Amino acid sequence: MSVLSVRMSEVEYRALEKFAKANNVSMNQAIKSAFFEKLEDEYDIEIFDKAYAEYLKDPVLYTLDEVNKHLGR
């Protein structure tokens, strides 16, 4: 397992400590969770941007009923 050292001000440290206690997790887990949530958000934005660019090329919309009919439901 790898180890990472993070430098932060005393105010940042106390804020992290309060957050971790309020959520009943370790400070390490609070940092890991925040990082992976941010990573997932960035990935979601990237996927949305690609999908939206595709939509702009051919802006056709279908209703849920039309999609279900096409899928034979």
C-alpha atoms as a PDB file:
ATOM      1  CA  MET A   1       0.000   0.000   0.000  1.00  0.00           C
ATOM      2  CA  SER A   2       1.251   3.490  -0.823  1.00  0.00           C
ATOM      3  CA  VAL A   3       1.378   6.383   1.619  1.00  0.00           C
ATOM      4  CA  LEU A   4       0.713  10.020   0.749  1.00  0.00           C
ATOM      5  CA  SER A   5       1.572  13.030   2.866  1.00  0.00           C
ATOM      6  CA  VAL A   6      -0.639  16.120   2.607  1.00  0.00           C
ATOM      7  CA  ARG A   7       0.352  19.531   3.933  1.00  0.00           C
ATOM      8  CA  MET A   8      -2.430  21.811   5.132  1.00  0.00           C
ATOM      9  CA  SER A   9      -2.905  24.764   7.372  1.00  0.00           C
ATOM     10  CA  GLU A  10      -4.109  24.346  10.938  1.00  0.00           C
ATOM     11  CA  VAL A  11      -7.514  25.723   9.913  1.00  0.00           C
ATOM     12  CA  GLU A  12      -7.793  23.190   7.076  1.00  0.00           C
ATOM     13  CA  TYR A  13      -6.706  20.396   9.414  1.00  0.00           C
ATOM     14  CA  ARG A  14      -9.349  21.312  12.009  1.00  0.00           C
ATOM     15  CA  ALA A  15     -12.025  21.519   9.299  1.00  0.00           C
ATOM     16  CA  LEU A  16     -11.058  18.062   8.035  1.00  0.00           C
ATOM     17  CA  GLU A  17     -11.023  16.722  11.572  1.00  0.00           C
ATOM     18  CA  LYS A  18     -14.519  18.108  12.275  1.00  0.00           C
ATOM     19  CA  PHE A  19     -15.823  16.740   8.970  1.00  0.00           C
ATOM     20  CA  ALA A  20     -14.419  13.279   9.658  1.00  0.00           C
ATOM     21  CA  LYS A  21     -15.866  13.211  13.177  1.00  0.00           C
ATOM     22  CA  ALA A  22     -19.275  14.418  11.963  1.00  0.00           C
ATOM     23  CA  ASN A  23     -19.337  11.620   9.370  1.00  0.00           C
ATOM     24  CA  ASN A  24     -17.896   9.006  11.719  1.00  0.00           C
ATOM     25  CA  VAL A  25     -14.941   8.209   9.463  1.00  0.00           C
ATOM     26  CA  SER A  26     -11.192   8.522   9.797  1.00  0.00           C
ATOM     27  CA  MET A  27      -9.457  11.569   8.393  1.00  0.00           C
ATOM     28  CA  ASN A  28      -7.787   9.305   5.826  1.00  0.00           C
ATOM     29  CA  GLN A  29     -11.146   7.933   4.723  1.00  0.00           C
ATOM     30  CA  ALA A  30     -12.611  11.452   4.507  1.00  0.00           C
ATOM     31  CA  ILE A  31      -9.786  12.528   2.194  1.00  0.00           C
ATOM     32  CA  LYS A  32     -10.045   9.362   0.059  1.00  0.00           C
ATOM     33  CA  SER A  33     -13.807   9.707  -0.257  1.00  0.00           C
ATOM     34  CA  ALA A  34     -13.579  13.372  -1.252  1.00  0.00           C
ATOM     35  CA  PHE A  35     -10.914  12.590  -3.858  1.00  0.00           C
ATOM     36  CA  PHE A  36     -12.836   9.746  -5.476  1.00  0.00           C
ATOM     37  CA  GLU A  37     -16.089  11.717  -5.482  1.00  0.00           C
ATOM     38  CA  LYS A  38     -14.279  14.556  -7.285  1.00  0.00           C
ATOM     39  CA  LEU A  39     -12.747  12.079  -9.737  1.00  0.00           C
ATOM     40  CA  GLU A  40     -16.176  10.592 -10.466  1.00  0.00           C
ATOM     41  CA  ASP A  41     -17.678  14.069 -10.948  1.00  0.00           C
ATOM     42  CA  GLU A  42     -14.949  14.968 -13.449  1.00  0.00           C
ATOM     43  CA  TYR A  43     -15.551  11.708 -15.352  1.00  0.00           C
ATOM     44  CA  ASP A  44     -19.318  12.350 -15.425  1.00  0.00           C
ATOM     45  CA  ILE A  45     -18.725  15.838 -16.834  1.00  0.00           C
ATOM     46  CA  GLU A  46     -16.417  14.441 -19.511  1.00  0.00           C
ATOM     47  CA  ILE A  47     -18.988  11.827 -20.558  1.00  0.00           C
ATOM     48  CA  PHE A  48     -21.763  14.435 -20.587  1.00  0.00           C
ATOM     49  CA  ASP A  49     -19.701  16.794 -22.756  1.00  0.00           C
ATOM     50  CA  LYS A  50     -19.091  14.014 -25.288  1.00  0.00           C
ATOM     51  CA  ALA A  51     -22.754  12.985 -25.324  1.00  0.00           C
ATOM     52  CA  TYR A  52     -23.899  16.584 -25.700  1.00  0.00           C
ATOM     53  CA  ALA A  53     -21.510  17.143 -28.607  1.00  0.00           C
ATOM     54  CA  GLU A  54     -22.983  14.062 -30.305  1.00  0.00           C
ATOM     55  CA  TYR A  55     -26.507  15.354 -29.662  1.00  0.00           C
ATOM     56  CA  LEU A  56     -25.654  18.726 -31.228  1.00  0.00           C
ATOM     57  CA  LYS A  57     -24.587  16.944 -34.420  1.00  0.00           C
ATOM     58  CA  ASP A  58     -28.064  15.396 -34.754  1.00  0.00           C
ATOM     59  CA  PRO A  59     -30.486  16.942 -32.224  1.00  0.00           C
ATOM     60  CA  VAL A  60     -33.267  14.375 -32.409  1.00  0.00           C
ATOM     61  CA  LEU A  61     -35.203  13.519 -29.265  1.00  0.00           C
ATOM     62  CA  TYR A  62     -37.422  10.515 -28.588  1.00  0.00           C
ATOM     63  CA  THR A  63     -40.132  10.057 -26.004  1.00  0.00           C
ATOM     64  CA  LEU A  64     -39.962   7.179 -23.567  1.00  0.00           C
ATOM     65  CA  ASP A  65     -42.918   5.583 -25.366  1.00  0.00           C
ATOM     66  CA  GLU A  66     -41.056   5.788 -28.684  1.00  0.00           C
ATOM     67  CA  VAL A  67     -37.981   4.165 -27.184  1.00  0.00           C
ATOM     68  CA  ASN A  68     -40.029   1.382 -25.578  1.00  0.00           C
ATOM     69  CA  LYS A  69     -41.851   0.759 -28.868  1.00  0.00           C
ATOM     70  CA  HIS A  70     -38.523   0.566 -30.710  1.00  0.00           C
ATOM     71  CA  LEU A  71     -37.265  -1.935 -28.109  1.00  0.00           C
ATOM     72  CA  GLY A  72     -40.455  -3.977 -28.406  1.00  0.00           C
ATOM     73  CA  ARG A  73     -41.651  -3.329 -24.879  1.00  0.00           C
END
